[in-house]
Amino acid sequence: MNPEMKKILFYSPDFNLCYSLQAFLQDKYHVTTSTDFSVLKSLAQNNNFDLLIIDSEPTPKVEELCNEIKNSSSHIKIVLTYVYSKNMNDAERRIRNSVSAIFYKPFDLSDISRTLKEIVTKSHHQTI
């Protein structure tokens, strides 16, 4: 493992999306994927990841996880991906302080690649 490469943890309930994103990012990052939401907190806190990507709507459960990770592992940047819906506006507003970026599906992989590079090198908030 190249110690210079950043480590990304990617969660999605969709195995195919996990596989695709891992294949797309593997040349630039060490990517670990999971389809099990319940293991994310433990993985994030015990494996020195630089970035956590969560493929899920901003539910109270996701918001709680993001807040816990941010408070216990503040170096980890968090990115959320989901299909935009107006009924998620309030939930997204609440979670925005805990995430570095939000990507609305369908997203462009080149945009993700560019933004991930920016996020792991500096801290900022944005929506794509």
C-alpha atoms as a PDB file:
ATOM      1  CA  MET A   1       0.000   0.000   0.000  1.00  0.00           C
ATOM      2  CA  ASN A   2       1.370   3.347  -1.045  1.00  0.00           C
ATOM      3  CA  PRO A   3       1.402   5.491   2.131  1.00  0.00           C
ATOM      4  CA  GLU A   4       0.945   8.617   0.006  1.00  0.00           C
ATOM      5  CA  MET A   5      -2.450   7.492  -1.292  1.00  0.00           C
ATOM      6  CA  LYS A   6      -5.496   8.736   0.588  1.00  0.00           C
ATOM      7  CA  LYS A   7      -7.871   6.166   2.062  1.00  0.00           C
ATOM      8  CA  ILE A   8     -11.565   6.277   1.168  1.00  0.00           C
ATOM      9  CA  LEU A   9     -14.408   4.353   2.775  1.00  0.00           C
ATOM     10  CA  PHE A  10     -17.450   4.126   0.506  1.00  0.00           C
ATOM     11  CA  TYR A  11     -20.877   2.940   1.635  1.00  0.00           C
ATOM     12  CA  SER A  12     -23.790   2.103  -0.622  1.00  0.00           C
ATOM     13  CA  PRO A  13     -26.585  -0.444  -0.269  1.00  0.00           C
ATOM     14  CA  ASP A  14     -25.996  -1.021  -4.008  1.00  0.00           C
ATOM     15  CA  PHE A  15     -23.152  -3.524  -4.447  1.00  0.00           C
ATOM     16  CA  ASN A  16     -22.773  -2.625  -8.129  1.00  0.00           C
ATOM     17  CA  LEU A  17     -22.239   1.046  -7.290  1.00  0.00           C
ATOM     18  CA  CYS A  18     -19.647   0.066  -4.659  1.00  0.00           C
ATOM     19  CA  TYR A  19     -17.822  -2.053  -7.220  1.00  0.00           C
ATOM     20  CA  SER A  20     -18.006   0.598  -9.960  1.00  0.00           C
ATOM     21  CA  LEU A  21     -16.774   3.445  -7.785  1.00  0.00           C
ATOM     22  CA  GLN A  22     -13.987   1.298  -6.354  1.00  0.00           C
ATOM     23  CA  ALA A  23     -12.861   0.370  -9.871  1.00  0.00           C
ATOM     24  CA  PHE A  24     -13.009   4.024 -10.966  1.00  0.00           C
ATOM     25  CA  LEU A  25     -11.024   5.364  -7.981  1.00  0.00           C
ATOM     26  CA  GLN A  26      -8.581   2.524  -7.291  1.00  0.00           C
ATOM     27  CA  ASP A  27      -5.692   4.093  -9.240  1.00  0.00           C
ATOM     28  CA  LYS A  28      -5.784   7.261  -7.117  1.00  0.00           C
ATOM     29  CA  TYR A  29      -7.020   6.080  -3.711  1.00  0.00           C
ATOM     30  CA  HIS A  30      -7.109   3.066  -1.433  1.00  0.00           C
ATOM     31  CA  VAL A  31     -10.842   2.357  -1.502  1.00  0.00           C
ATOM     32  CA  THR A  32     -12.736   0.178   0.947  1.00  0.00           C
ATOM     33  CA  THR A  33     -16.415  -0.434   0.254  1.00  0.00           C
ATOM     34  CA  SER A  34     -19.279  -1.686   2.365  1.00  0.00           C
ATOM     35  CA  THR A  35     -22.947  -2.392   1.803  1.00  0.00           C
ATOM     36  CA  ASP A  36     -23.499  -2.657   5.586  1.00  0.00           C
ATOM     37  CA  PHE A  37     -24.452   0.688   7.146  1.00  0.00           C
ATOM     38  CA  SER A  38     -24.080  -0.688  10.688  1.00  0.00           C
ATOM     39  CA  VAL A  39     -20.284  -1.120  10.369  1.00  0.00           C
ATOM     40  CA  LEU A  40     -19.471   2.376   9.075  1.00  0.00           C
ATOM     41  CA  LYS A  41     -18.845   4.078  12.406  1.00  0.00           C
ATOM     42  CA  SER A  42     -16.471   1.350  13.562  1.00  0.00           C
ATOM     43  CA  LEU A  43     -14.644   1.199  10.229  1.00  0.00           C
ATOM     44  CA  ALA A  44     -14.317   4.968  10.002  1.00  0.00           C
ATOM     45  CA  GLN A  45     -12.993   5.343  13.524  1.00  0.00           C
ATOM     46  CA  ASN A  46     -10.582   2.406  13.507  1.00  0.00           C
ATOM     47  CA  ASN A  47      -8.953   2.512  10.079  1.00  0.00           C
ATOM     48  CA  ASN A  48      -7.640   6.041   9.618  1.00  0.00           C
ATOM     49  CA  PHE A  49      -9.687   6.881   6.530  1.00  0.00           C
ATOM     50  CA  ASP A  50      -9.320  10.318   4.991  1.00  0.00           C
ATOM     51  CA  LEU A  51     -12.756  10.337   3.411  1.00  0.00           C
ATOM     52  CA  LEU A  52     -16.121   8.655   3.918  1.00  0.00           C
ATOM     53  CA  ILE A  53     -18.609   8.616   1.040  1.00  0.00           C
ATOM     54  CA  ILE A  54     -22.165   7.726   2.030  1.00  0.00           C
ATOM     55  CA  ASP A  55     -24.629   6.833  -0.703  1.00  0.00           C
ATOM     56  CA  SER A  56     -27.862   7.565   1.161  1.00  0.00           C
ATOM     57  CA  GLU A  57     -30.494  10.225   1.642  1.00  0.00           C
ATOM     58  CA  PRO A  58     -29.839  12.511   4.645  1.00  0.00           C
ATOM     59  CA  THR A  59     -32.035  10.582   7.091  1.00  0.00           C
ATOM     60  CA  PRO A  60     -31.837  11.095  10.871  1.00  0.00           C
ATOM     61  CA  LYS A  61     -29.793   7.869  11.069  1.00  0.00           C
ATOM     62  CA  VAL A  62     -27.282   9.179   8.501  1.00  0.00           C
ATOM     63  CA  GLU A  63     -27.208  12.587  10.190  1.00  0.00           C
ATOM     64  CA  GLU A  64     -26.441  10.948  13.539  1.00  0.00           C
ATOM     65  CA  LEU A  65     -23.630   8.874  12.007  1.00  0.00           C
ATOM     66  CA  CYS A  66     -22.087  11.932  10.313  1.00  0.00           C
ATOM     67  CA  ASN A  67     -22.201  13.924  13.555  1.00  0.00           C
ATOM     68  CA  GLU A  68     -20.656  11.078  15.551  1.00  0.00           C
ATOM     69  CA  ILE A  69     -17.851  10.568  13.053  1.00  0.00           C
ATOM     70  CA  LYS A  70     -17.187  14.282  12.757  1.00  0.00           C
ATOM     71  CA  ASN A  71     -17.030  14.633  16.563  1.00  0.00           C
ATOM     72  CA  SER A  72     -14.834  11.590  17.160  1.00  0.00           C
ATOM     73  CA  SER A  73     -12.714  11.570  13.989  1.00  0.00           C
ATOM     74  CA  SER A  74     -12.689  15.180  12.875  1.00  0.00           C
ATOM     75  CA  HIS A  75      -9.987  14.590  10.249  1.00  0.00           C
ATOM     76  CA  ILE A  76     -12.363  12.439   8.170  1.00  0.00           C
ATOM     77  CA  LYS A  77     -14.125  14.344   5.417  1.00  0.00           C
ATOM     78  CA  ILE A  78     -17.637  13.119   4.604  1.00  0.00           C
ATOM     79  CA  VAL A  79     -19.407  13.212   1.244  1.00  0.00           C
ATOM     80  CA  LEU A  80     -23.077  12.367   0.748  1.00  0.00           C
ATOM     81  CA  THR A  81     -24.625  11.161  -2.516  1.00  0.00           C
ATOM     82  CA  TYR A  82     -28.330  10.757  -3.175  1.00  0.00           C
ATOM     83  CA  VAL A  83     -31.142  11.466  -5.605  1.00  0.00           C
ATOM     84  CA  TYR A  84     -32.334  15.014  -4.939  1.00  0.00           C
ATOM     85  CA  SER A  85     -35.839  15.451  -3.646  1.00  0.00           C
ATOM     86  CA  LYS A  86     -37.496  18.632  -2.320  1.00  0.00           C
ATOM     87  CA  ASN A  87     -38.716  16.756   0.745  1.00  0.00           C
ATOM     88  CA  MET A  88     -35.065  16.265   1.743  1.00  0.00           C
ATOM     89  CA  ASN A  89     -34.297  20.014   1.940  1.00  0.00           C
ATOM     90  CA  ASP A  90     -34.693  20.271   5.737  1.00  0.00           C
ATOM     91  CA  ALA A  91     -32.725  17.077   6.365  1.00  0.00           C
ATOM     92  CA  GLU A  92     -29.982  18.242   3.998  1.00  0.00           C
ATOM     93  CA  ARG A  93     -29.802  21.618   5.734  1.00  0.00           C
ATOM     94  CA  ARG A  94     -29.279  19.867   9.106  1.00  0.00           C
ATOM     95  CA  ILE A  95     -26.569  17.543   7.823  1.00  0.00           C
ATOM     96  CA  ARG A  96     -24.672  20.159   5.812  1.00  0.00           C
ATOM     97  CA  ASN A  97     -22.430  21.139   8.775  1.00  0.00           C
ATOM     98  CA  SER A  98     -21.176  17.571   9.034  1.00  0.00           C
ATOM     99  CA  VAL A  99     -20.356  16.945   5.376  1.00  0.00           C
ATOM    100  CA  SER A 100     -17.804  18.402   2.987  1.00  0.00           C
ATOM    101  CA  ALA A 101     -19.874  17.913  -0.169  1.00  0.00           C
ATOM    102  CA  ILE A 102     -23.157  16.563  -1.473  1.00  0.00           C
ATOM    103  CA  PHE A 103     -23.484  15.015  -4.923  1.00  0.00           C
ATOM    104  CA  TYR A 104     -26.912  14.629  -6.450  1.00  0.00           C
ATOM    105  CA  LYS A 105     -27.457  11.551  -8.584  1.00  0.00           C
ATOM    106  CA  PRO A 106     -26.944  11.039 -11.365  1.00  0.00           C
ATOM    107  CA  PHE A 107     -23.476  12.452 -10.935  1.00  0.00           C
ATOM    108  CA  ASP A 108     -20.581  12.843 -13.302  1.00  0.00           C
ATOM    109  CA  LEU A 109     -17.581  10.702 -12.314  1.00  0.00           C
ATOM    110  CA  SER A 110     -15.092  13.331 -13.503  1.00  0.00           C
ATOM    111  CA  ASP A 111     -16.788  15.891 -11.198  1.00  0.00           C
ATOM    112  CA  ILE A 112     -16.547  13.445  -8.313  1.00  0.00           C
ATOM    113  CA  SER A 113     -12.894  12.719  -9.015  1.00  0.00           C
ATOM    114  CA  ARG A 114     -11.991  16.423  -9.148  1.00  0.00           C
ATOM    115  CA  THR A 115     -13.994  17.287  -6.030  1.00  0.00           C
ATOM    116  CA  LEU A 116     -12.646  14.345  -4.009  1.00  0.00           C
ATOM    117  CA  LYS A 117      -9.114  15.478  -4.789  1.00  0.00           C
ATOM    118  CA  GLU A 118      -9.974  18.979  -3.546  1.00  0.00           C
ATOM    119  CA  ILE A 119     -11.696  17.671  -0.417  1.00  0.00           C
ATOM    120  CA  VAL A 120      -8.854  15.427   0.706  1.00  0.00           C
ATOM    121  CA  THR A 121      -6.374  18.266   0.293  1.00  0.00           C
ATOM    122  CA  LYS A 122      -8.438  21.040   1.887  1.00  0.00           C
ATOM    123  CA  SER A 123     -11.665  21.571   3.775  1.00  0.00           C
ATOM    124  CA  HIS A 124     -14.735  23.186   2.205  1.00  0.00           C
ATOM    125  CA  HIS A 125     -18.455  22.614   1.694  1.00  0.00           C
ATOM    126  CA  GLN A 126     -20.158  22.315  -1.669  1.00  0.00           C
ATOM    127  CA  THR A 127     -23.013  20.762  -3.549  1.00  0.00           C
ATOM    128  CA  ILE A 128     -22.739  19.219  -7.006  1.00  0.00           C
END
